[in-house]
PDB file of N, CA and C in Angstrom:
ATOM      1  N   UNK A   1     148.186  25.036 130.043  1.00  0.00           N
ATOM      2  CA  UNK A   1     147.662  25.938 131.054  1.00  0.00           C
ATOM      3  C   UNK A   1     148.040  25.444 132.457  1.00  0.00           C
ATOM      4  N   UNK A   2     147.985  24.160 132.675  1.00  0.00           N
ATOM      5  CA  UNK A   2     148.353  23.616 133.983  1.00  0.00           C
ATOM      6  C   UNK A   2     149.808  23.901 134.313  1.00  0.00           C
ATOM      7  N   UNK A   3     150.643  23.861 133.310  1.00  0.00           N
ATOM      8  CA  UNK A   3     152.061  24.104 133.536  1.00  0.00           C
ATOM      9  C   UNK A   3     152.269  25.478 134.183  1.00  0.00           C
ATOM     10  N   UNK A   4     151.568  26.486 133.711  1.00  0.00           N
ATOM     11  CA  UNK A   4     151.690  27.831 134.285  1.00  0.00           C
ATOM     12  C   UNK A   4     151.201  27.858 135.726  1.00  0.00           C
ATOM     13  N   UNK A   5     150.128  27.152 135.968  1.00  0.00           N
ATOM     14  CA  UNK A   5     149.578  27.116 137.312  1.00  0.00           C
ATOM     15  C   UNK A   5     150.565  26.462 138.280  1.00  0.00           C
ATOM     16  N   UNK A   6     151.194  25.386 137.843  1.00  0.00           N
ATOM     17  CA  UNK A   6     152.158  24.708 138.698  1.00  0.00           C
ATOM     18  C   UNK A   6     153.377  25.589 138.943  1.00  0.00           C
ATOM     19  N   UNK A   7     153.831  26.296 137.914  1.00  0.00           N
ATOM     20  CA  UNK A   7     154.969  27.203 138.104  1.00  0.00           C
ATOM     21  C   UNK A   7     154.619  28.329 139.065  1.00  0.00           C
ATOM     22  N   UNK A   8     153.412  28.840 138.959  1.00  0.00           N
ATOM     23  CA  UNK A   8     152.969  29.895 139.870  1.00  0.00           C
ATOM     24  C   UNK A   8     152.927  29.402 141.305  1.00  0.00           C
ATOM     25  N   UNK A   9     152.429  28.183 141.502  1.00  0.00           N
ATOM     26  CA  UNK A   9     152.387  27.598 142.851  1.00  0.00           C
ATOM     27  C   UNK A   9     153.791  27.366 143.391  1.00  0.00           C
ATOM     28  N   UNK A  10     154.683  26.900 142.515  1.00  0.00           N
ATOM     29  CA  UNK A  10     156.065  26.667 142.929  1.00  0.00           C
ATOM     30  C   UNK A  10     156.728  27.979 143.330  1.00  0.00           C
ATOM     31  N   UNK A  11     156.523  29.019 142.551  1.00  0.00           N
ATOM     32  CA  UNK A  11     157.098  30.329 142.877  1.00  0.00           C
ATOM     33  C   UNK A  11     156.538  30.847 144.208  1.00  0.00           C
ATOM     34  N   UNK A  12     155.235  30.649 144.400  1.00  0.00           N
ATOM     35  CA  UNK A  12     154.610  31.090 145.651  1.00  0.00           C
ATOM     36  C   UNK A  12     155.206  30.330 146.836  1.00  0.00           C
ATOM     37  N   UNK A  13     155.376  29.014 146.672  1.00  0.00           N
ATOM     38  CA  UNK A  13     155.970  28.209 147.742  1.00  0.00           C
ATOM     39  C   UNK A  13     157.404  28.639 148.021  1.00  0.00           C
ATOM     40  N   UNK A  14     158.160  28.945 146.979  1.00  0.00           N
ATOM     41  CA  UNK A  14     159.549  29.381 147.156  1.00  0.00           C
ATOM     42  C   UNK A  14     159.600  30.709 147.909  1.00  0.00           C
ATOM     43  N   UNK A  15     158.705  31.625 147.579  1.00  0.00           N
ATOM     44  CA  UNK A  15     158.663  32.913 148.281  1.00  0.00           C
ATOM     45  C   UNK A  15     158.307  32.717 149.747  1.00  0.00           C
ATOM     46  N   UNK A  16     157.352  31.820 150.012  1.00  0.00           N
ATOM     47  CA  UNK A  16     156.972  31.543 151.393  1.00  0.00           C
ATOM     48  C   UNK A  16     158.136  30.913 152.157  1.00  0.00           C
ATOM     49  N   UNK A  17     158.856  30.002 151.502  1.00  0.00           N
ATOM     50  CA  UNK A  17     160.007  29.361 152.140  1.00  0.00           C
ATOM     51  C   UNK A  17     161.100  30.386 152.435  1.00  0.00           C
ATOM     52  N   UNK A  18     161.339  31.296 151.508  1.00  0.00           N
ATOM     53  CA  UNK A  18     162.347  32.344 151.724  1.00  0.00           C
ATOM     54  C   UNK A  18     161.931  33.262 152.869  1.00  0.00           C
ATOM     55  N   UNK A  19     160.650  33.590 152.935  1.00  0.00           N
ATOM     56  CA  UNK A  19     160.145  34.437 154.023  1.00  0.00           C
ATOM     57  C   UNK A  19     160.316  33.722 155.363  1.00  0.00           C
ATOM     58  N   UNK A  20     159.971  32.447 155.411  1.00  0.00           N
ATOM     59  CA  UNK A  20     160.121  31.662 156.628  1.00  0.00           C
ATOM     60  C   UNK A  20     161.582  31.583 157.039  1.00  0.00           C
ATOM     61  N   UNK A  21     162.468  31.375 156.077  1.00  0.00           N
ATOM     62  CA  UNK A  21     163.898  31.303 156.363  1.00  0.00           C
ATOM     63  C   UNK A  21     164.399  32.630 156.930  1.00  0.00           C
ATOM     64  N   UNK A  22     163.967  33.729 156.349  1.00  0.00           N
ATOM     65  CA  UNK A  22     164.362  35.067 156.817  1.00  0.00           C
ATOM     66  C   UNK A  22     163.876  35.293 158.257  1.00  0.00           C
ATOM     67  N   UNK A  23     162.622  34.904 158.521  1.00  0.00           N
ATOM     68  CA  UNK A  23     162.063  35.071 159.865  1.00  0.00           C
ATOM     69  C   UNK A  23     162.807  34.212 160.885  1.00  0.00           C
ATOM     70  N   UNK A  24     163.169  33.010 160.476  1.00  0.00           N
ATOM     71  CA  UNK A  24     163.890  32.122 161.386  1.00  0.00           C
ATOM     72  C   UNK A  24     165.276  32.667 161.687  1.00  0.00           C
ATOM     73  N   UNK A  25     165.954  33.189 160.677  1.00  0.00           N
ATOM     74  CA  UNK A  25     167.268  33.796 160.894  1.00  0.00           C
ATOM     75  C   UNK A  25     167.177  34.990 161.840  1.00  0.00           C
ATOM     76  N   UNK A  26     166.143  35.798 161.661  1.00  0.00           N
ATOM     77  CA  UNK A  26     165.945  36.945 162.546  1.00  0.00           C
ATOM     78  C   UNK A  26     165.711  36.483 163.985  1.00  0.00           C
ATOM     79  N   UNK A  27     164.927  35.419 164.148  1.00  0.00           N
ATOM     80  CA  UNK A  27     164.659  34.886 165.487  1.00  0.00           C
ATOM     81  C   UNK A  27     165.942  34.332 166.103  1.00  0.00           C
ATOM     82  N   UNK A  28     166.769  33.657 165.309  1.00  0.00           N
ATOM     83  CA  UNK A  28     168.033  33.124 165.826  1.00  0.00           C
ATOM     84  C   UNK A  28     168.972  34.254 166.223  1.00  0.00           C
ATOM     85  N   UNK A  29     169.012  35.319 165.433  1.00  0.00           N
ATOM     86  CA  UNK A  29     169.853  36.471 165.779  1.00  0.00           C
ATOM     87  C   UNK A  29     169.363  37.114 167.076  1.00  0.00           C
ATOM     88  N   UNK A  30     168.055  37.194 167.238  1.00  0.00           N
ATOM     89  CA  UNK A  30     167.493  37.767 168.463  1.00  0.00           C
ATOM     90  C   UNK A  30     167.852  36.898 169.669  1.00  0.00           C
ATOM     91  N   UNK A  31     167.894  35.580 169.480  1.00  0.00           N
ATOM     92  CA  UNK A  31     168.264  34.686 170.578  1.00  0.00           C
ATOM     93  C   UNK A  31     169.686  34.951 171.063  1.00  0.00           C
ATOM     94  N   UNK A  32     170.552  35.366 170.176  1.00  0.00           N
ATOM     95  CA  UNK A  32     171.928  35.675 170.572  1.00  0.00           C
ATOM     96  C   UNK A  32     171.957  36.837 171.564  1.00  0.00           C
ATOM     97  N   UNK A  33     170.932  37.673 171.527  1.00  0.00           N
ATOM     98  CA  UNK A  33     170.861  38.833 172.420  1.00  0.00           C
ATOM     99  C   UNK A  33     170.108  38.530 173.715  1.00  0.00           C
ATOM    100  N   UNK A  34     169.378  37.437 173.751  1.00  0.00           N
ATOM    101  CA  UNK A  34     168.613  37.052 174.941  1.00  0.00           C
ATOM    102  C   UNK A  34     169.555  36.521 176.018  1.00  0.00           C
ATOM    103  N   UNK A  35     169.172  36.692 177.255  1.00  0.00           N
ATOM    104  CA  UNK A  35     169.969  36.213 178.374  1.00  0.00           C
ATOM    105  C   UNK A  35     169.081  35.435 179.340  1.00  0.00           C
ATOM    106  N   UNK A  36     169.596  34.316 179.804  1.00  0.00           N
ATOM    107  CA  UNK A  36     168.946  33.556 180.874  1.00  0.00           C
ATOM    108  C   UNK A  36     169.991  33.363 181.960  1.00  0.00           C
ATOM    109  N   UNK A  37     169.528  33.251 183.176  1.00  0.00           N
ATOM    110  CA  UNK A  37     170.479  33.071 184.277  1.00  0.00           C
ATOM    111  C   UNK A  37     169.953  32.001 185.220  1.00  0.00           C
ATOM    112  N   UNK A  38     170.892  31.330 185.841  1.00  0.00           N
ATOM    113  CA  UNK A  38     170.553  30.299 186.821  1.00  0.00           C
ATOM    114  C   UNK A  38     171.551  30.403 187.959  1.00  0.00           C
ATOM    115  N   UNK A  39     171.075  30.046 189.145  1.00  0.00           N
ATOM    116  CA  UNK A  39     171.941  30.082 190.320  1.00  0.00           C
ATOM    117  C   UNK A  39     171.906  28.738 191.025  1.00  0.00           C
ATOM    118  N   UNK A  40     172.908  28.520 191.850  1.00  0.00           N
ATOM    119  CA  UNK A  40     172.942  27.337 192.715  1.00  0.00           C
ATOM    120  C   UNK A  40     173.542  27.767 194.038  1.00  0.00           C
ATOM    121  N   UNK A  41     173.406  26.895 195.012  1.00  0.00           N
ATOM    122  CA  UNK A  41     173.952  27.215 196.330  1.00  0.00           C
ATOM    123  C   UNK A  41     173.303  28.429 196.956  1.00  0.00           C
ATOM    124  N   UNK A  42     171.991  28.577 196.734  1.00  0.00           N
ATOM    125  CA  UNK A  42     171.289  29.717 197.307  1.00  0.00           C
ATOM    126  C   UNK A  42     171.749  31.040 196.724  1.00  0.00           C
ATOM    127  N   UNK A  43     172.161  31.029 195.461  1.00  0.00           N
ATOM    128  CA  UNK A  43     172.602  32.249 194.798  1.00  0.00           C
ATOM    129  C   UNK A  43     174.105  32.495 194.885  1.00  0.00           C
ATOM    130  N   UNK A  44     174.823  31.560 195.469  1.00  0.00           N
ATOM    131  CA  UNK A  44     176.274  31.734 195.632  1.00  0.00           C
ATOM    132  C   UNK A  44     177.019  31.600 194.301  1.00  0.00           C
ATOM    133  N   UNK A  45     176.461  30.837 193.364  1.00  0.00           N
ATOM    134  CA  UNK A  45     177.064  30.677 192.038  1.00  0.00           C
ATOM    135  C   UNK A  45     175.990  31.025 191.011  1.00  0.00           C
ATOM    136  N   UNK A  46     176.359  31.861 190.054  1.00  0.00           N
ATOM    137  CA  UNK A  46     175.417  32.282 189.014  1.00  0.00           C
ATOM    138  C   UNK A  46     176.054  32.034 187.655  1.00  0.00           C
ATOM    139  N   UNK A  47     175.246  31.483 186.738  1.00  0.00           N
ATOM    140  CA  UNK A  47     175.681  31.285 185.358  1.00  0.00           C
ATOM    141  C   UNK A  47     174.703  32.007 184.444  1.00  0.00           C
ATOM    142  N   UNK A  48     175.247  32.694 183.445  1.00  0.00           N
ATOM    143  CA  UNK A  48     174.429  33.414 182.477  1.00  0.00           C
ATOM    144  C   UNK A  48     174.732  32.841 181.098  1.00  0.00           C
ATOM    145  N   UNK A  49     173.649  32.559 180.350  1.00  0.00           N
ATOM    146  CA  UNK A  49     173.788  32.038 178.991  1.00  0.00           C
ATOM    147  C   UNK A  49     172.959  32.888 178.048  1.00  0.00           C
ATOM    148  N   UNK A  50     173.312  32.839 176.768  1.00  0.00           N
ATOM    149  CA  UNK A  50     172.465  33.489 175.776  1.00  0.00           C
ATOM    150  C   UNK A  50     171.479  32.458 175.231  1.00  0.00           C
ATOM    151  N   UNK A  51     170.631  32.875 174.319  1.00  0.00           N
ATOM    152  CA  UNK A  51     169.626  31.989 173.756  1.00  0.00           C
ATOM    153  C   UNK A  51     170.166  30.996 172.752  1.00  0.00           C
ATOM    154  N   UNK A  52     171.474  31.008 172.547  1.00  0.00           N
ATOM    155  CA  UNK A  52     172.102  30.062 171.630  1.00  0.00           C
ATOM    156  C   UNK A  52     172.999  29.075 172.374  1.00  0.00           C
ATOM    157  N   UNK A  53     172.728  28.891 173.645  1.00  0.00           N
ATOM    158  CA  UNK A  53     173.414  27.941 174.516  1.00  0.00           C
ATOM    159  C   UNK A  53     174.904  28.236 174.696  1.00  0.00           C
ATOM    160  N   UNK A  54     175.255  29.494 174.717  1.00  0.00           N
ATOM    161  CA  UNK A  54     176.626  29.901 175.022  1.00  0.00           C
ATOM    162  C   UNK A  54     176.659  30.438 176.453  1.00  0.00           C
ATOM    163  N   UNK A  55     177.572  29.924 177.259  1.00  0.00           N
ATOM    164  CA  UNK A  55     177.746  30.455 178.611  1.00  0.00           C
ATOM    165  C   UNK A  55     178.526  31.758 178.489  1.00  0.00           C
ATOM    166  N   UNK A  56     177.954  32.834 179.009  1.00  0.00           N
ATOM    167  CA  UNK A  56     178.546  34.157 178.875  1.00  0.00           C
ATOM    168  C   UNK A  56     179.244  34.640 180.139  1.00  0.00           C
ATOM    169  N   UNK A  57     178.781  34.118 181.266  1.00  0.00           N
ATOM    170  CA  UNK A  57     179.291  34.665 182.523  1.00  0.00           C
ATOM    171  C   UNK A  57     179.111  33.647 183.646  1.00  0.00           C
ATOM    172  N   UNK A  58     180.087  33.610 184.516  1.00  0.00           N
ATOM    173  CA  UNK A  58     180.009  32.828 185.751  1.00  0.00           C
ATOM    174  C   UNK A  58     180.397  33.778 186.880  1.00  0.00           C
ATOM    175  N   UNK A  59     179.561  33.855 187.901  1.00  0.00           N
ATOM    176  CA  UNK A  59     179.865  34.668 189.084  1.00  0.00           C
ATOM    177  C   UNK A  59     179.879  33.740 190.297  1.00  0.00           C
ATOM    178  N   UNK A  60     180.909  33.876 191.119  1.00  0.00           N
ATOM    179  CA  UNK A  60     181.043  33.048 192.313  1.00  0.00           C
ATOM    180  C   UNK A  60     181.239  33.961 193.519  1.00  0.00           C
ATOM    181  N   UNK A  61     180.357  33.811 194.484  1.00  0.00           N
ATOM    182  CA  UNK A  61     180.477  34.577 195.721  1.00  0.00           C
ATOM    183  C   UNK A  61     181.731  34.082 196.456  1.00  0.00           C
ATOM    184  N   UNK A  62     182.609  34.983 196.862  1.00  0.00           N
ATOM    185  CA  UNK A  62     183.842  34.572 197.545  1.00  0.00           C
ATOM    186  C   UNK A  62     183.603  33.708 198.781  1.00  0.00           C
ATOM    187  N   UNK A  63     182.438  33.830 199.403  1.00  0.00           N
ATOM    188  CA  UNK A  63     182.146  33.038 200.599  1.00  0.00           C
ATOM    189  C   UNK A  63     182.097  31.538 200.310  1.00  0.00           C
ATOM    190  N   UNK A  64     181.827  31.166 199.062  1.00  0.00           N
ATOM    191  CA  UNK A  64     181.690  29.749 198.729  1.00  0.00           C
ATOM    192  C   UNK A  64     183.037  29.126 198.333  1.00  0.00           C
ATOM    193  N   UNK A  65     184.059  29.961 198.213  1.00  0.00           N
ATOM    194  CA  UNK A  65     185.381  29.462 197.830  1.00  0.00           C
ATOM    195  C   UNK A  65     186.100  28.959 199.082  1.00  0.00           C
ATOM    196  N   UNK A  66     186.194  27.644 199.150  1.00  0.00           N
ATOM    197  CA  UNK A  66     186.851  26.999 200.288  1.00  0.00           C
ATOM    198  C   UNK A  66     187.913  26.058 199.723  1.00  0.00           C
ATOM    199  N   UNK A  67     189.193  26.397 199.885  1.00  0.00           N
ATOM    200  CA  UNK A  67     190.247  25.541 199.338  1.00  0.00           C
ATOM    201  C   UNK A  67     190.182  24.106 199.854  1.00  0.00           C
ATOM    202  N   UNK A  68     189.522  23.909 200.985  1.00  0.00           N
ATOM    203  CA  UNK A  68     189.402  22.569 201.550  1.00  0.00           C
ATOM    204  C   UNK A  68     188.249  21.775 200.929  1.00  0.00           C
ATOM    205  N   UNK A  69     187.389  22.470 200.173  1.00  0.00           N
ATOM    206  CA  UNK A  69     186.224  21.787 199.594  1.00  0.00           C
ATOM    207  C   UNK A  69     185.987  22.263 198.155  1.00  0.00           C
ATOM    208  N   UNK A  70     186.967  22.058 197.321  1.00  0.00           N
ATOM    209  CA  UNK A  70     186.874  22.450 195.910  1.00  0.00           C
ATOM    210  C   UNK A  70     185.753  21.675 195.218  1.00  0.00           C
ATOM    211  N   UNK A  71     185.533  20.456 195.618  1.00  0.00           N
ATOM    212  CA  UNK A  71     184.500  19.619 194.998  1.00  0.00           C
ATOM    213  C   UNK A  71     183.112  20.256 195.113  1.00  0.00           C
ATOM    214  N   UNK A  72     182.811  20.860 196.262  1.00  0.00           N
ATOM    215  CA  UNK A  72     181.519  21.519 196.427  1.00  0.00           C
ATOM    216  C   UNK A  72     181.380  22.669 195.429  1.00  0.00           C
ATOM    217  N   UNK A  73     182.423  23.457 195.281  1.00  0.00           N
ATOM    218  CA  UNK A  73     182.383  24.572 194.335  1.00  0.00           C
ATOM    219  C   UNK A  73     182.182  24.057 192.915  1.00  0.00           C
ATOM    220  N   UNK A  74     182.881  22.999 192.564  1.00  0.00           N
ATOM    221  CA  UNK A  74     182.720  22.409 191.234  1.00  0.00           C
ATOM    222  C   UNK A  74     181.276  21.963 191.012  1.00  0.00           C
ATOM    223  N   UNK A  75     180.675  21.353 192.025  1.00  0.00           N
ATOM    224  CA  UNK A  75     179.283  20.907 191.919  1.00  0.00           C
ATOM    225  C   UNK A  75     178.331  22.081 191.746  1.00  0.00           C
ATOM    226  N   UNK A  76     178.582  23.158 192.491  1.00  0.00           N
ATOM    227  CA  UNK A  76     177.725  24.343 192.381  1.00  0.00           C
ATOM    228  C   UNK A  76     177.842  24.982 191.000  1.00  0.00           C
ATOM    229  N   UNK A  77     179.053  25.070 190.475  1.00  0.00           N
ATOM    230  CA  UNK A  77     179.251  25.638 189.138  1.00  0.00           C
ATOM    231  C   UNK A  77     178.557  24.761 188.095  1.00  0.00           C
ATOM    232  N   UNK A  78     178.755  23.461 188.209  1.00  0.00           N
ATOM    233  CA  UNK A  78     178.139  22.540 187.268  1.00  0.00           C
ATOM    234  C   UNK A  78     176.614  22.653 187.312  1.00  0.00           C
ATOM    235  N   UNK A  79     176.041  22.748 188.495  1.00  0.00           N
ATOM    236  CA  UNK A  79     174.583  22.860 188.631  1.00  0.00           C
ATOM    237  C   UNK A  79     174.071  24.148 188.001  1.00  0.00           C
ATOM    238  N   UNK A  80     174.750  25.254 188.247  1.00  0.00           N
ATOM    239  CA  UNK A  80     174.319  26.539 187.687  1.00  0.00           C
ATOM    240  C   UNK A  80     174.434  26.546 186.166  1.00  0.00           C
ATOM    241  N   UNK A  81     175.530  26.019 185.643  1.00  0.00           N
ATOM    242  CA  UNK A  81     175.729  25.984 184.193  1.00  0.00           C
ATOM    243  C   UNK A  81     174.706  25.070 183.530  1.00  0.00           C
ATOM    244  N   UNK A  82     174.478  23.917 184.116  1.00  0.00           N
ATOM    245  CA  UNK A  82     173.504  22.976 183.559  1.00  0.00           C
ATOM    246  C   UNK A  82     172.117  23.603 183.497  1.00  0.00           C
ATOM    247  N   UNK A  83     171.724  24.275 184.554  1.00  0.00           N
ATOM    248  CA  UNK A  83     170.406  24.921 184.588  1.00  0.00           C
ATOM    249  C   UNK A  83     170.335  26.090 183.599  1.00  0.00           C
ATOM    250  N   UNK A  84     171.387  26.868 183.484  1.00  0.00           N
ATOM    251  CA  UNK A  84     171.394  27.982 182.523  1.00  0.00           C
ATOM    252  C   UNK A  84     171.252  27.451 181.096  1.00  0.00           C
ATOM    253  N   UNK A  85     171.938  26.378 180.785  1.00  0.00           N
ATOM    254  CA  UNK A  85     171.824  25.798 179.443  1.00  0.00           C
ATOM    255  C   UNK A  85     170.436  25.218 179.206  1.00  0.00           C
ATOM    256  N   UNK A  86     169.848  24.607 180.223  1.00  0.00           N
ATOM    257  CA  UNK A  86     168.482  24.088 180.088  1.00  0.00           C
ATOM    258  C   UNK A  86     167.511  25.219 179.790  1.00  0.00           C
ATOM    259  N   UNK A  87     167.648  26.310 180.532  1.00  0.00           N
ATOM    260  CA  UNK A  87     166.773  27.466 180.309  1.00  0.00           C
ATOM    261  C   UNK A  87     166.998  28.076 178.926  1.00  0.00           C
ATOM    262  N   UNK A  88     168.236  28.087 178.479  1.00  0.00           N
ATOM    263  CA  UNK A  88     168.552  28.606 177.149  1.00  0.00           C
ATOM    264  C   UNK A  88     167.888  27.756 176.069  1.00  0.00           C
ATOM    265  N   UNK A  89     167.946  26.434 176.223  1.00  0.00           N
ATOM    266  CA  UNK A  89     167.289  25.545 175.255  1.00  0.00           C
ATOM    267  C   UNK A  89     165.779  25.759 175.257  1.00  0.00           C
ATOM    268  N   UNK A  90     165.203  25.921 176.436  1.00  0.00           N
ATOM    269  CA  UNK A  90     163.759  26.175 176.527  1.00  0.00           C
ATOM    270  C   UNK A  90     163.395  27.474 175.817  1.00  0.00           C
ATOM    271  N   UNK A  91     164.203  28.498 176.020  1.00  0.00           N
ATOM    272  CA  UNK A  91     163.959  29.783 175.365  1.00  0.00           C
ATOM    273  C   UNK A  91     164.019  29.624 173.848  1.00  0.00           C
ATOM    274  N   UNK A  92     165.036  28.911 173.358  1.00  0.00           N
ATOM    275  CA  UNK A  92     165.176  28.696 171.912  1.00  0.00           C
ATOM    276  C   UNK A  92     163.991  27.906 171.374  1.00  0.00           C
ATOM    277  N   UNK A  93     163.569  26.878 172.091  1.00  0.00           N
ATOM    278  CA  UNK A  93     162.422  26.090 171.641  1.00  0.00           C
ATOM    279  C   UNK A  93     161.167  26.944 171.588  1.00  0.00           C
ATOM    280  N   UNK A  94     161.012  27.809 172.582  1.00  0.00           N
ATOM    281  CA  UNK A  94     159.851  28.696 172.637  1.00  0.00           C
ATOM    282  C   UNK A  94     159.853  29.666 171.451  1.00  0.00           C
ATOM    283  N   UNK A  95     161.003  30.262 171.181  1.00  0.00           N
ATOM    284  CA  UNK A  95     161.088  31.276 170.124  1.00  0.00           C
ATOM    285  C   UNK A  95     161.101  30.678 168.722  1.00  0.00           C
ATOM    286  N   UNK A  96     161.718  29.508 168.571  1.00  0.00           N
ATOM    287  CA  UNK A  96     161.845  28.908 167.242  1.00  0.00           C
ATOM    288  C   UNK A  96     160.820  27.802 167.000  1.00  0.00           C
ATOM    289  N   UNK A  97     160.070  27.447 168.020  1.00  0.00           N
ATOM    290  CA  UNK A  97     159.113  26.355 167.899  1.00  0.00           C
ATOM    291  C   UNK A  97     158.087  26.546 166.800  1.00  0.00           C
ATOM    292  N   UNK A  98     157.655  27.773 166.599  1.00  0.00           N
ATOM    293  CA  UNK A  98     156.671  28.035 165.549  1.00  0.00           C
ATOM    294  C   UNK A  98     157.225  27.706 164.164  1.00  0.00           C
ATOM    295  N   UNK A  99     158.534  27.863 164.004  1.00  0.00           N
ATOM    296  CA  UNK A  99     159.158  27.598 162.706  1.00  0.00           C
ATOM    297  C   UNK A  99     159.439  26.112 162.503  1.00  0.00           C
ATOM    298  N   UNK A 100     159.685  25.409 163.590  1.00  0.00           N
ATOM    299  CA  UNK A 100     160.146  24.024 163.482  1.00  0.00           C
ATOM    300  C   UNK A 100     159.112  23.021 163.960  1.00  0.00           C
ATOM    301  N   UNK A 101     157.911  23.459 164.225  1.00  0.00           N
ATOM    302  CA  UNK A 101     156.875  22.566 164.753  1.00  0.00           C
ATOM    303  C   UNK A 101     156.749  21.321 163.870  1.00  0.00           C
ATOM    304  N   UNK A 102     156.916  20.180 164.489  1.00  0.00           N
ATOM    305  CA  UNK A 102     156.790  18.920 163.775  1.00  0.00           C
ATOM    306  C   UNK A 102     158.048  18.478 163.048  1.00  0.00           C
ATOM    307  N   UNK A 103     159.054  19.338 162.987  1.00  0.00           N
ATOM    308  CA  UNK A 103     160.301  18.983 162.301  1.00  0.00           C
ATOM    309  C   UNK A 103     161.326  18.553 163.329  1.00  0.00           C
ATOM    310  N   UNK A 104     162.120  17.590 162.982  1.00  0.00           N
ATOM    311  CA  UNK A 104     163.227  17.162 163.831  1.00  0.00           C
ATOM    312  C   UNK A 104     164.518  17.606 163.133  1.00  0.00           C
ATOM    313  N   UNK A 105     165.043  18.757 163.548  1.00  0.00           N
ATOM    314  CA  UNK A 105     166.248  19.299 162.920  1.00  0.00           C
ATOM    315  C   UNK A 105     167.409  19.031 163.861  1.00  0.00           C
ATOM    316  N   UNK A 106     168.325  18.151 163.445  1.00  0.00           N
ATOM    317  CA  UNK A 106     169.458  17.786 164.307  1.00  0.00           C
ATOM    318  C   UNK A 106     170.282  19.012 164.701  1.00  0.00           C
ATOM    319  N   UNK A 107     170.631  19.078 165.978  1.00  0.00           N
ATOM    320  CA  UNK A 107     171.514  20.132 166.453  1.00  0.00           C
ATOM    321  C   UNK A 107     170.822  21.455 166.741  1.00  0.00           C
ATOM    322  N   UNK A 108     169.539  21.580 166.425  1.00  0.00           N
ATOM    323  CA  UNK A 108     168.872  22.857 166.650  1.00  0.00           C
ATOM    324  C   UNK A 108     168.556  23.036 168.120  1.00  0.00           C
ATOM    325  N   UNK A 109     168.090  21.997 168.781  1.00  0.00           N
ATOM    326  CA  UNK A 109     167.769  22.099 170.212  1.00  0.00           C
ATOM    327  C   UNK A 109     168.531  21.046 170.947  1.00  0.00           C
TER     328      UNK A 109
END
């Protein structure tokens, strides 16, 4: 009799795991559609990322393009991209945190 009970519990756990996996996949797919943006230089450089840490867009105001100071432009781009990726990671942690609470999954965040 115990054997049946254990099999029933195992089946229930497997169904719950499959449901959790399906929900997590749906959340990850939704993150691909999410957008975060960050700016630097008072809005002169803008970087847009999705919720999966992909940079989708970089916009640079022509006023900040100075051939004599390329280093400043590089710094502004780097700052905007870094902030966009940080915000993207925060968004992913927020959306997927319920699924991964207490778990350390390499490469997820």
